Amino acid sequence: MASAIVPSLRLRPSFSYATSPSSSFSSSGDVKPRPAVILPGLGNNSGDYKKLEVTLSEYGVPAVVAAVSRLDWFRNAAGLVDPSYWRGTLRPRPVLDWYLKRIDDAVREANALAQGQGLSLIGHSAGGWLARVYMEEYGNSDISLLLTLGTPHLPPPRGQPGVIDQTRGLLYYVEEQCAKAVYTPELRYVCIAGRYIRGATLVNNADVSAGIDGGDAISELAIASNKTGDSQVSSGPSLRARFVGQGYKQVCGRADVWGDGVVPEVSAHLDGALNVTFDGVYHSPVGSEDETRPWYGSPAIVKDWIHHLLQ
C-alpha cells in the first residue's frame, strides 16, 4: 500500500510536569499499548536506556532493550578484513549479524508480552537504520511502528570533497536495498530529529545565529552555547559550532546545518515517514541532562512523542 504524503512537524518541547503520564494517557477499555523494543545506538549499551524504559512503563508501554554492551561494538572491527570496507561498499551482513541477532532476541521477548497485537521498534541513532536492516532480513509482520531517534538514515553525498562515509557503504546499502519508509495503518515510520546546535564551517562564511532556512529562530539551548561572558550572542560561530559542523559534514556533506550535536536534521528524516523535529534536543543519553540538555528519551521529550506508541 502506498504511503500518504505526510507533512513534517517542528516542535518546541514544554518542560511542565503538572500532569502525570498515567493521567495524560489512558488506554481505552482493556486495550493495552504494544510492547516496544529499544535498539541502542553506536557506542551505547543497554544500561543507557534504563531511564527511557522506566519512562515508557509509566505510560503503560512495556519495553525490552536489546542486550548490547559497549565492548560489543568492537565486533564491527571484523569489517576491516573485508575488501569491501576499503572500497566503501560494505554490506551489513555478516559484520553486523551479532547486532541483528540481539534485535531478534529482544523482539522474541517482546512478542511474548504482545499477545499478538504487534510491536513498536524504537531505534536510537544507528539503531534506527539497523532496525530497517532487521526488518528487511527477518521480516516485519510483527512490527506496527518504527520510531527513530536521531538516526542518520541518509548516506553522505558521493564525491564530496573532505567527506568520508563513516559507515563504509552501509548506509548506501540501506538506502538502496531496504524497504522505503511508509506511514500506513499497517506500518508507520516516525523519524524524529533534534535541533540542539547549528554547525558552522571552518571558515567564517555563515551566520550561526540564523536558522537553516534563513527564517527559523535559533533554539534556546543553541543560543546558550554561544553566549559570551557579557551575555551577548557572539557575532561569529563558536569553536564548538565549527567542531560540530565538521561532524555534520561527514554525515550529510554540509557543516552549516542544524542537528542534535551528532546527526544533522536533514539526515534524520525519511521520505514517506512522518518526520518530526524537536528544538533544543541533544543526541545521546550519555552527556544529557533532563532539564538543561535533554535528549530524545528525556521525560519532557517523550511526552511529546509517546502518543505514536499508544495509537
C-alpha atoms as a PDB file:
ATOM      1  CA  MET A   1       0.000   0.000   0.000  1.00  0.00           C
ATOM      2  CA  ALA A   2       1.382   3.399  -0.936  1.00  0.00           C
ATOM      3  CA  SER A   3       2.195   5.786   1.854  1.00  0.00           C
ATOM      4  CA  ALA A   4       0.332   9.062   2.072  1.00  0.00           C
ATOM      5  CA  ILE A   5       2.297  12.291   1.867  1.00  0.00           C
ATOM      6  CA  VAL A   6       2.805  13.328   5.477  1.00  0.00           C
ATOM      7  CA  PRO A   7       3.897  16.856   6.428  1.00  0.00           C
ATOM      8  CA  SER A   8       6.935  17.354   8.645  1.00  0.00           C
ATOM      9  CA  LEU A   9       6.417  18.728  12.141  1.00  0.00           C
ATOM     10  CA  ARG A  10       8.621  21.001  14.218  1.00  0.00           C
ATOM     11  CA  LEU A  11       8.020  21.145  17.957  1.00  0.00           C
ATOM     12  CA  ARG A  12       9.362  23.115  20.888  1.00  0.00           C
ATOM     13  CA  PRO A  13       9.039  20.830  23.924  1.00  0.00           C
ATOM     14  CA  SER A  14       7.393  22.007  27.119  1.00  0.00           C
ATOM     15  CA  PHE A  15       9.104  21.186  30.403  1.00  0.00           C
ATOM     16  CA  SER A  16       5.942  21.239  32.512  1.00  0.00           C
ATOM     17  CA  TYR A  17       5.320  18.191  34.684  1.00  0.00           C
ATOM     18  CA  ALA A  18       1.958  19.323  36.040  1.00  0.00           C
ATOM     19  CA  THR A  19       0.244  16.230  34.672  1.00  0.00           C
ATOM     20  CA  SER A  20       1.449  12.710  35.325  1.00  0.00           C
ATOM     21  CA  PRO A  21       1.908  10.281  32.424  1.00  0.00           C
ATOM     22  CA  SER A  22      -0.747   7.931  33.750  1.00  0.00           C
ATOM     23  CA  SER A  23      -3.350  10.700  33.863  1.00  0.00           C
ATOM     24  CA  SER A  24      -2.366  12.178  30.491  1.00  0.00           C
ATOM     25  CA  PHE A  25      -2.766   8.945  28.545  1.00  0.00           C
ATOM     26  CA  SER A  26      -5.111   6.157  29.415  1.00  0.00           C
ATOM     27  CA  SER A  27      -5.863   3.164  27.250  1.00  0.00           C
ATOM     28  CA  SER A  28      -9.486   2.779  26.223  1.00  0.00           C
ATOM     29  CA  GLY A  29     -11.182  -0.326  27.560  1.00  0.00           C
ATOM     30  CA  ASP A  30      -8.900  -3.287  28.059  1.00  0.00           C
ATOM     31  CA  VAL A  31      -6.614  -2.476  25.119  1.00  0.00           C
ATOM     32  CA  LYS A  32      -3.009  -2.341  26.266  1.00  0.00           C
ATOM     33  CA  PRO A  33      -0.232  -0.464  24.452  1.00  0.00           C
ATOM     34  CA  ARG A  34       2.031  -2.501  22.210  1.00  0.00           C
ATOM     35  CA  PRO A  35       5.361  -3.528  23.728  1.00  0.00           C
ATOM     36  CA  ALA A  36       8.371  -1.579  22.483  1.00  0.00           C
ATOM     37  CA  VAL A  37      11.844  -2.825  21.646  1.00  0.00           C
ATOM     38  CA  ILE A  38      14.592  -0.239  22.224  1.00  0.00           C
ATOM     39  CA  LEU A  39      17.633  -0.533  19.954  1.00  0.00           C
ATOM     40  CA  PRO A  40      20.824   1.115  21.263  1.00  0.00           C
ATOM     41  CA  GLY A  41      22.881   3.459  19.131  1.00  0.00           C
ATOM     42  CA  LEU A  42      26.515   3.082  18.143  1.00  0.00           C
ATOM     43  CA  GLY A  43      28.754   3.001  21.219  1.00  0.00           C
ATOM     44  CA  ASN A  44      25.833   2.865  23.647  1.00  0.00           C
ATOM     45  CA  ASN A  45      24.923  -0.014  25.915  1.00  0.00           C
ATOM     46  CA  SER A  46      21.619  -1.307  27.212  1.00  0.00           C
ATOM     47  CA  GLY A  47      22.011   0.471  30.548  1.00  0.00           C
ATOM     48  CA  ASP A  48      21.972   3.875  28.846  1.00  0.00           C
ATOM     49  CA  TYR A  49      18.269   3.333  28.113  1.00  0.00           C
ATOM     50  CA  LYS A  50      17.129   2.205  31.556  1.00  0.00           C
ATOM     51  CA  LYS A  51      15.549   5.566  32.332  1.00  0.00           C
ATOM     52  CA  LEU A  52      13.729   5.578  28.984  1.00  0.00           C
ATOM     53  CA  GLU A  53      12.457   2.082  29.745  1.00  0.00           C
ATOM     54  CA  VAL A  54      11.090   3.339  33.074  1.00  0.00           C
ATOM     55  CA  THR A  55       9.502   6.393  31.435  1.00  0.00           C
ATOM     56  CA  LEU A  56       7.718   4.211  28.880  1.00  0.00           C
ATOM     57  CA  SER A  57       6.434   1.951  31.648  1.00  0.00           C
ATOM     58  CA  GLU A  58       4.820   4.993  33.282  1.00  0.00           C
ATOM     59  CA  TYR A  59       2.677   5.302  30.147  1.00  0.00           C
ATOM     60  CA  GLY A  60       1.836   1.612  30.297  1.00  0.00           C
ATOM     61  CA  VAL A  61       4.237   0.650  27.499  1.00  0.00           C
ATOM     62  CA  PRO A  62       6.294  -2.450  28.374  1.00  0.00           C
ATOM     63  CA  ALA A  63       9.782  -2.196  26.891  1.00  0.00           C
ATOM     64  CA  VAL A  64      12.636  -4.557  26.132  1.00  0.00           C
ATOM     65  CA  VAL A  65      16.104  -3.151  25.481  1.00  0.00           C
ATOM     66  CA  ALA A  66      18.268  -5.139  23.079  1.00  0.00           C
ATOM     67  CA  ALA A  67      21.206  -6.565  25.031  1.00  0.00           C
ATOM     68  CA  VAL A  68      24.255  -4.607  23.866  1.00  0.00           C
ATOM     69  CA  SER A  69      27.443  -3.703  25.730  1.00  0.00           C
ATOM     70  CA  ARG A  70      29.993  -1.077  24.735  1.00  0.00           C
ATOM     71  CA  LEU A  71      32.561  -3.793  24.115  1.00  0.00           C
ATOM     72  CA  ASP A  72      30.176  -5.464  21.664  1.00  0.00           C
ATOM     73  CA  TRP A  73      30.731  -2.640  19.202  1.00  0.00           C
ATOM     74  CA  PHE A  74      34.336  -3.736  18.752  1.00  0.00           C
ATOM     75  CA  ARG A  75      32.908  -6.719  16.865  1.00  0.00           C
ATOM     76  CA  ASN A  76      32.450  -4.322  13.960  1.00  0.00           C
ATOM     77  CA  ALA A  77      36.227  -4.311  13.539  1.00  0.00           C
ATOM     78  CA  ALA A  78      35.745  -7.606  11.705  1.00  0.00           C
ATOM     79  CA  GLY A  79      34.764  -5.476   8.732  1.00  0.00           C
ATOM     80  CA  LEU A  80      38.340  -4.227   8.431  1.00  0.00           C
ATOM     81  CA  VAL A  81      39.405  -7.526   6.853  1.00  0.00           C
ATOM     82  CA  ASP A  82      36.675  -7.281   4.226  1.00  0.00           C
ATOM     83  CA  PRO A  83      37.956  -5.687   0.982  1.00  0.00           C
ATOM     84  CA  SER A  84      34.541  -4.037   0.544  1.00  0.00           C
ATOM     85  CA  TYR A  85      35.259  -1.958   3.658  1.00  0.00           C
ATOM     86  CA  TRP A  86      38.162  -0.273   1.901  1.00  0.00           C
ATOM     87  CA  ARG A  87      36.151   0.123  -1.300  1.00  0.00           C
ATOM     88  CA  GLY A  88      33.316   1.752   0.639  1.00  0.00           C
ATOM     89  CA  THR A  89      30.843  -0.955  -0.390  1.00  0.00           C
ATOM     90  CA  LEU A  90      30.449  -2.778   2.928  1.00  0.00           C
ATOM     91  CA  ARG A  91      27.212  -4.714   3.473  1.00  0.00           C
ATOM     92  CA  PRO A  92      25.514  -5.217   6.872  1.00  0.00           C
ATOM     93  CA  ARG A  93      25.951  -8.971   6.829  1.00  0.00           C
ATOM     94  CA  PRO A  94      27.907 -10.724   8.162  1.00  0.00           C
ATOM     95  CA  VAL A  95      29.708  -7.923  10.033  1.00  0.00           C
ATOM     96  CA  LEU A  96      26.540  -6.813  11.872  1.00  0.00           C
ATOM     97  CA  ASP A  97      24.941 -10.228  12.327  1.00  0.00           C
ATOM     98  CA  TRP A  98      25.692 -10.012  16.040  1.00  0.00           C
ATOM     99  CA  TYR A  99      23.506  -6.884  16.388  1.00  0.00           C
ATOM    100  CA  LEU A 100      20.705  -8.286  14.228  1.00  0.00           C
ATOM    101  CA  LYS A 101      20.668 -11.354  16.488  1.00  0.00           C
ATOM    102  CA  ARG A 102      20.332  -9.101  19.559  1.00  0.00           C
ATOM    103  CA  ILE A 103      17.374  -7.366  17.914  1.00  0.00           C
ATOM    104  CA  ASP A 104      15.772 -10.711  17.158  1.00  0.00           C
ATOM    105  CA  ASP A 105      16.245 -11.904  20.735  1.00  0.00           C
ATOM    106  CA  ALA A 106      14.601  -8.717  22.043  1.00  0.00           C
ATOM    107  CA  VAL A 107      11.756  -8.987  19.523  1.00  0.00           C
ATOM    108  CA  ARG A 108      11.078 -12.565  20.611  1.00  0.00           C
ATOM    109  CA  GLU A 109      10.979 -11.461  24.248  1.00  0.00           C
ATOM    110  CA  ALA A 110       8.632  -8.582  23.441  1.00  0.00           C
ATOM    111  CA  ASN A 111       6.396 -10.844  21.353  1.00  0.00           C
ATOM    112  CA  ALA A 112       5.774 -12.922  24.449  1.00  0.00           C
ATOM    113  CA  LEU A 113       4.303  -9.774  26.023  1.00  0.00           C
ATOM    114  CA  ALA A 114       2.447  -8.608  22.920  1.00  0.00           C
ATOM    115  CA  GLN A 115      -0.154 -11.391  22.767  1.00  0.00           C
ATOM    116  CA  GLY A 116      -0.483 -10.949  19.032  1.00  0.00           C
ATOM    117  CA  GLN A 117      -1.030  -7.185  18.954  1.00  0.00           C
ATOM    118  CA  GLY A 118       2.260  -6.245  17.283  1.00  0.00           C
ATOM    119  CA  LEU A 119       5.356  -4.365  18.389  1.00  0.00           C
ATOM    120  CA  SER A 120       6.958  -0.950  18.209  1.00  0.00           C
ATOM    121  CA  LEU A 121      10.657  -0.614  17.432  1.00  0.00           C
ATOM    122  CA  ILE A 122      12.451   2.425  18.861  1.00  0.00           C
ATOM    123  CA  GLY A 123      15.815   2.831  17.181  1.00  0.00           C
ATOM    124  CA  HIS A 124      18.245   5.364  18.608  1.00  0.00           C
ATOM    125  CA  SER A 125      20.952   6.669  16.272  1.00  0.00           C
ATOM    126  CA  ALA A 126      22.416   3.727  14.303  1.00  0.00           C
ATOM    127  CA  GLY A 127      19.795   1.517  15.950  1.00  0.00           C
ATOM    128  CA  GLY A 128      17.246   3.128  13.629  1.00  0.00           C
ATOM    129  CA  TRP A 129      18.837   2.103  10.343  1.00  0.00           C
ATOM    130  CA  LEU A 130      19.834  -1.255  11.812  1.00  0.00           C
ATOM    131  CA  ALA A 131      16.128  -1.747  12.540  1.00  0.00           C
ATOM    132  CA  ARG A 132      15.465  -1.261   8.829  1.00  0.00           C
ATOM    133  CA  VAL A 133      18.068  -3.910   8.003  1.00  0.00           C
ATOM    134  CA  TYR A 134      16.458  -6.236  10.542  1.00  0.00           C
ATOM    135  CA  MET A 135      13.009  -5.710   9.033  1.00  0.00           C
ATOM    136  CA  GLU A 136      14.402  -6.436   5.577  1.00  0.00           C
ATOM    137  CA  GLU A 137      16.238  -9.594   6.648  1.00  0.00           C
ATOM    138  CA  TYR A 138      13.908 -11.025   9.296  1.00  0.00           C
ATOM    139  CA  GLY A 139      10.541  -9.640   8.174  1.00  0.00           C
ATOM    140  CA  ASN A 140       8.262  -7.018   9.693  1.00  0.00           C
ATOM    141  CA  SER A 141       4.975  -8.865  10.149  1.00  0.00           C
ATOM    142  CA  ASP A 142       5.121  -8.331  13.929  1.00  0.00           C
ATOM    143  CA  ILE A 143       6.062  -4.649  13.698  1.00  0.00           C
ATOM    144  CA  SER A 144       3.467  -1.870  13.590  1.00  0.00           C
ATOM    145  CA  LEU A 145       5.732   1.121  14.209  1.00  0.00           C
ATOM    146  CA  LEU A 146       9.352   2.061  13.629  1.00  0.00           C
ATOM    147  CA  LEU A 147      10.182   5.208  15.571  1.00  0.00           C
ATOM    148  CA  THR A 148      13.721   6.500  15.121  1.00  0.00           C
ATOM    149  CA  LEU A 149      15.518   8.980  17.365  1.00  0.00           C
ATOM    150  CA  GLY A 150      18.385  10.920  15.808  1.00  0.00           C
ATOM    151  CA  THR A 151      19.104   8.221  13.232  1.00  0.00           C
ATOM    152  CA  PRO A 152      21.452   9.067  10.341  1.00  0.00           C
ATOM    153  CA  HIS A 153      19.230   7.479   7.703  1.00  0.00           C
ATOM    154  CA  LEU A 154      20.780   9.010   4.607  1.00  0.00           C
ATOM    155  CA  PRO A 155      24.275   8.332   3.274  1.00  0.00           C
ATOM    156  CA  PRO A 156      26.567  11.290   2.614  1.00  0.00           C
ATOM    157  CA  PRO A 157      26.724  12.594  -0.959  1.00  0.00           C
ATOM    158  CA  ARG A 158      29.250  10.757  -3.097  1.00  0.00           C
ATOM    159  CA  GLY A 159      32.332  12.587  -4.292  1.00  0.00           C
ATOM    160  CA  GLN A 160      32.025  15.459  -1.812  1.00  0.00           C
ATOM    161  CA  PRO A 161      35.496  16.913  -1.055  1.00  0.00           C
ATOM    162  CA  GLY A 162      36.557  16.285   2.533  1.00  0.00           C
ATOM    163  CA  VAL A 163      33.725  13.827   3.215  1.00  0.00           C
ATOM    164  CA  ILE A 164      34.369  10.174   4.066  1.00  0.00           C
ATOM    165  CA  ASP A 165      31.465   7.772   4.507  1.00  0.00           C
ATOM    166  CA  GLN A 166      31.855   6.731   8.130  1.00  0.00           C
ATOM    167  CA  THR A 167      29.767   3.587   7.548  1.00  0.00           C
ATOM    168  CA  ARG A 168      31.958   2.477   4.631  1.00  0.00           C
ATOM    169  CA  GLY A 169      28.975   1.799   2.403  1.00  0.00           C
ATOM    170  CA  LEU A 170      26.441   0.505   4.924  1.00  0.00           C
ATOM    171  CA  LEU A 171      24.066   3.460   4.579  1.00  0.00           C
ATOM    172  CA  TYR A 172      24.222   3.269   0.787  1.00  0.00           C
ATOM    173  CA  TYR A 173      23.168  -0.366   1.113  1.00  0.00           C
ATOM    174  CA  VAL A 174      20.272   0.552   3.423  1.00  0.00           C
ATOM    175  CA  GLU A 175      19.090   3.302   1.088  1.00  0.00           C
ATOM    176  CA  GLU A 176      19.235   1.061  -1.975  1.00  0.00           C
ATOM    177  CA  GLN A 177      18.197  -2.328  -0.591  1.00  0.00           C
ATOM    178  CA  CYS A 178      15.868  -1.745   2.357  1.00  0.00           C
ATOM    179  CA  ALA A 179      12.156  -1.012   2.043  1.00  0.00           C
ATOM    180  CA  LYS A 180      11.200   2.636   1.746  1.00  0.00           C
ATOM    181  CA  ALA A 181       9.543   4.411   4.639  1.00  0.00           C
ATOM    182  CA  VAL A 182       5.750   4.374   4.783  1.00  0.00           C
ATOM    183  CA  TYR A 183       3.046   5.784   7.001  1.00  0.00           C
ATOM    184  CA  THR A 184       0.068   3.454   6.694  1.00  0.00           C
ATOM    185  CA  PRO A 185      -2.389   1.816   9.106  1.00  0.00           C
ATOM    186  CA  GLU A 186      -0.343  -1.398   8.874  1.00  0.00           C
ATOM    187  CA  LEU A 187       3.122   0.091   9.380  1.00  0.00           C
ATOM    188  CA  ARG A 188       4.179   3.581  10.396  1.00  0.00           C
ATOM    189  CA  TYR A 189       7.616   5.164  10.225  1.00  0.00           C
ATOM    190  CA  VAL A 190       8.137   8.143  12.540  1.00  0.00           C
ATOM    191  CA  CYS A 191      11.543   9.820  12.249  1.00  0.00           C
ATOM    192  CA  ILE A 192      12.479  12.281  14.994  1.00  0.00           C
ATOM    193  CA  ALA A 193      15.348  14.750  14.646  1.00  0.00           C
ATOM    194  CA  GLY A 194      16.754  17.319  17.054  1.00  0.00           C
ATOM    195  CA  ARG A 195      17.912  20.920  16.699  1.00  0.00           C
ATOM    196  CA  TYR A 196      20.358  21.318  19.543  1.00  0.00           C
ATOM    197  CA  ILE A 197      23.113  23.283  17.798  1.00  0.00           C
ATOM    198  CA  ARG A 198      23.776  24.569  14.329  1.00  0.00           C
ATOM    199  CA  GLY A 199      27.162  23.670  12.916  1.00  0.00           C
ATOM    200  CA  ALA A 200      29.498  26.066  11.180  1.00  0.00           C
ATOM    201  CA  THR A 201      32.163  25.852   8.531  1.00  0.00           C
ATOM    202  CA  LEU A 202      35.806  26.193   9.497  1.00  0.00           C
ATOM    203  CA  VAL A 203      35.914  29.450   7.548  1.00  0.00           C
ATOM    204  CA  ASN A 204      33.509  32.062   8.870  1.00  0.00           C
ATOM    205  CA  ASN A 205      31.137  32.375   5.927  1.00  0.00           C
ATOM    206  CA  ALA A 206      27.870  31.638   7.689  1.00  0.00           C
ATOM    207  CA  ASP A 207      25.886  33.263  10.475  1.00  0.00           C
ATOM    208  CA  VAL A 208      25.327  30.694  13.217  1.00  0.00           C
ATOM    209  CA  SER A 209      22.535  32.799  14.713  1.00  0.00           C
ATOM    210  CA  ALA A 210      20.353  32.308  11.617  1.00  0.00           C
ATOM    211  CA  GLY A 211      18.126  29.299  11.056  1.00  0.00           C
ATOM    212  CA  ILE A 212      18.919  26.674   8.462  1.00  0.00           C
ATOM    213  CA  ASP A 213      16.396  28.143   6.061  1.00  0.00           C
ATOM    214  CA  GLY A 214      17.225  31.732   6.937  1.00  0.00           C
ATOM    215  CA  GLY A 215      13.997  32.368   8.805  1.00  0.00           C
ATOM    216  CA  ASP A 216      13.868  29.993  11.752  1.00  0.00           C
ATOM    217  CA  ALA A 217      14.577  31.113  15.286  1.00  0.00           C
ATOM    218  CA  ILE A 218      17.617  29.588  16.935  1.00  0.00           C
ATOM    219  CA  SER A 219      16.808  27.179  19.766  1.00  0.00           C
ATOM    220  CA  GLU A 220      17.276  28.423  23.313  1.00  0.00           C
ATOM    221  CA  LEU A 221      19.941  25.837  24.096  1.00  0.00           C
ATOM    222  CA  ALA A 222      21.893  26.666  20.951  1.00  0.00           C
ATOM    223  CA  ILE A 223      21.846  30.338  21.934  1.00  0.00           C
ATOM    224  CA  ALA A 224      23.074  29.436  25.400  1.00  0.00           C
ATOM    225  CA  SER A 225      26.013  27.545  23.941  1.00  0.00           C
ATOM    226  CA  ASN A 226      27.148  30.632  22.018  1.00  0.00           C
ATOM    227  CA  LYS A 227      26.920  33.299  24.726  1.00  0.00           C
ATOM    228  CA  THR A 228      29.936  35.336  25.732  1.00  0.00           C
ATOM    229  CA  GLY A 229      30.829  36.452  29.230  1.00  0.00           C
ATOM    230  CA  ASP A 230      28.755  39.621  28.910  1.00  0.00           C
ATOM    231  CA  SER A 231      25.671  37.597  27.906  1.00  0.00           C
ATOM    232  CA  GLN A 232      25.771  38.829  24.301  1.00  0.00           C
ATOM    233  CA  VAL A 233      25.426  36.369  21.427  1.00  0.00           C
ATOM    234  CA  SER A 234      28.738  36.022  19.602  1.00  0.00           C
ATOM    235  CA  SER A 235      28.905  37.720  16.198  1.00  0.00           C
ATOM    236  CA  GLY A 236      30.555  34.638  14.701  1.00  0.00           C
ATOM    237  CA  PRO A 237      30.385  30.878  15.062  1.00  0.00           C
ATOM    238  CA  SER A 238      31.868  29.416  18.216  1.00  0.00           C
ATOM    239  CA  LEU A 239      34.712  26.923  18.192  1.00  0.00           C
ATOM    240  CA  ARG A 240      32.186  24.344  19.317  1.00  0.00           C
ATOM    241  CA  ALA A 241      29.912  25.097  16.345  1.00  0.00           C
ATOM    242  CA  ARG A 242      32.852  24.682  13.964  1.00  0.00           C
ATOM    243  CA  PHE A 243      33.813  21.376  15.584  1.00  0.00           C
ATOM    244  CA  VAL A 244      30.231  20.079  15.482  1.00  0.00           C
ATOM    245  CA  GLY A 245      29.939  21.291  11.903  1.00  0.00           C
ATOM    246  CA  GLN A 246      32.810  19.080  10.806  1.00  0.00           C
ATOM    247  CA  GLY A 247      30.958  16.105  12.263  1.00  0.00           C
ATOM    248  CA  TYR A 248      27.769  17.097  10.450  1.00  0.00           C
ATOM    249  CA  LYS A 249      29.725  17.432   7.218  1.00  0.00           C
ATOM    250  CA  GLN A 250      30.827  13.798   7.369  1.00  0.00           C
ATOM    251  CA  VAL A 251      27.190  12.741   7.694  1.00  0.00           C
ATOM    252  CA  CYS A 252      25.372  14.986   5.201  1.00  0.00           C
ATOM    253  CA  GLY A 253      28.082  16.793   3.240  1.00  0.00           C
ATOM    254  CA  ARG A 254      27.465  20.198   4.860  1.00  0.00           C
ATOM    255  CA  ALA A 255      28.738  21.799   8.043  1.00  0.00           C
ATOM    256  CA  ASP A 256      26.397  24.800   8.350  1.00  0.00           C
ATOM    257  CA  VAL A 257      23.221  22.883   9.176  1.00  0.00           C
ATOM    258  CA  TRP A 258      21.129  22.226  12.251  1.00  0.00           C
ATOM    259  CA  GLY A 259      21.378  18.978  14.161  1.00  0.00           C
ATOM    260  CA  ASP A 260      21.344  17.305  17.550  1.00  0.00           C
ATOM    261  CA  GLY A 261      25.080  17.714  18.082  1.00  0.00           C
ATOM    262  CA  VAL A 262      25.917  14.483  16.234  1.00  0.00           C
ATOM    263  CA  VAL A 263      23.357  13.855  13.478  1.00  0.00           C
ATOM    264  CA  PRO A 264      22.132  16.630  11.151  1.00  0.00           C
ATOM    265  CA  GLU A 265      18.404  17.212  10.983  1.00  0.00           C
ATOM    266  CA  VAL A 266      18.382  16.644   7.219  1.00  0.00           C
ATOM    267  CA  SER A 267      19.866  13.156   7.657  1.00  0.00           C
ATOM    268  CA  ALA A 268      17.421  12.041  10.347  1.00  0.00           C
ATOM    269  CA  HIS A 269      14.280  12.298   8.198  1.00  0.00           C
ATOM    270  CA  LEU A 270      12.994   9.934   5.504  1.00  0.00           C
ATOM    271  CA  ASP A 271      10.698  10.474   2.555  1.00  0.00           C
ATOM    272  CA  GLY A 272       7.417   8.694   3.232  1.00  0.00           C
ATOM    273  CA  ALA A 273       7.732   8.839   7.024  1.00  0.00           C
ATOM    274  CA  LEU A 274       6.111  11.193   9.499  1.00  0.00           C
ATOM    275  CA  ASN A 275       9.090  13.467  10.169  1.00  0.00           C
ATOM    276  CA  VAL A 276       9.287  15.423  13.416  1.00  0.00           C
ATOM    277  CA  THR A 277      11.905  17.871  14.699  1.00  0.00           C
ATOM    278  CA  PHE A 278      12.316  18.968  18.316  1.00  0.00           C
ATOM    279  CA  ASP A 279      14.080  22.202  19.207  1.00  0.00           C
ATOM    280  CA  GLY A 280      16.769  22.032  21.878  1.00  0.00           C
ATOM    281  CA  VAL A 281      17.144  18.238  21.916  1.00  0.00           C
ATOM    282  CA  TYR A 282      20.557  16.585  22.245  1.00  0.00           C
ATOM    283  CA  HIS A 283      21.591  13.350  20.543  1.00  0.00           C
ATOM    284  CA  SER A 284      22.568  10.902  23.266  1.00  0.00           C
ATOM    285  CA  PRO A 285      21.583   9.789  26.766  1.00  0.00           C
ATOM    286  CA  VAL A 286      25.301   9.935  27.572  1.00  0.00           C
ATOM    287  CA  GLY A 287      26.096  13.528  28.487  1.00  0.00           C
ATOM    288  CA  SER A 288      22.452  14.593  28.611  1.00  0.00           C
ATOM    289  CA  GLU A 289      20.636  16.331  31.465  1.00  0.00           C
ATOM    290  CA  ASP A 290      16.853  16.231  31.535  1.00  0.00           C
ATOM    291  CA  GLU A 291      16.222  19.937  32.150  1.00  0.00           C
ATOM    292  CA  THR A 292      19.233  21.746  30.688  1.00  0.00           C
ATOM    293  CA  ARG A 293      20.370  19.308  27.998  1.00  0.00           C
ATOM    294  CA  PRO A 294      17.525  16.883  27.285  1.00  0.00           C
ATOM    295  CA  TRP A 295      17.938  14.044  24.831  1.00  0.00           C
ATOM    296  CA  TYR A 296      15.214  12.294  22.842  1.00  0.00           C
ATOM    297  CA  GLY A 297      14.449   9.955  25.743  1.00  0.00           C
ATOM    298  CA  SER A 298      14.165  12.598  28.471  1.00  0.00           C
ATOM    299  CA  PRO A 299      10.690  12.582  30.081  1.00  0.00           C
ATOM    300  CA  ALA A 300       9.767  16.062  28.809  1.00  0.00           C
ATOM    301  CA  ILE A 301      10.549  14.982  25.244  1.00  0.00           C
ATOM    302  CA  VAL A 302       8.988  11.521  25.480  1.00  0.00           C
ATOM    303  CA  LYS A 303       5.639  13.031  26.435  1.00  0.00           C
ATOM    304  CA  ASP A 304       5.549  14.726  23.024  1.00  0.00           C
ATOM    305  CA  TRP A 305       6.137  11.526  21.030  1.00  0.00           C
ATOM    306  CA  ILE A 306       4.654   8.823  23.259  1.00  0.00           C
ATOM    307  CA  HIS A 307       1.273   9.043  21.500  1.00  0.00           C
ATOM    308  CA  HIS A 308       2.782   7.272  18.497  1.00  0.00           C
ATOM    309  CA  LEU A 309       3.247   4.183  20.674  1.00  0.00           C
ATOM    310  CA  LEU A 310      -0.293   4.376  22.032  1.00  0.00           C
ATOM    311  CA  GLN A 311      -2.127   4.520  18.699  1.00  0.00           C
END
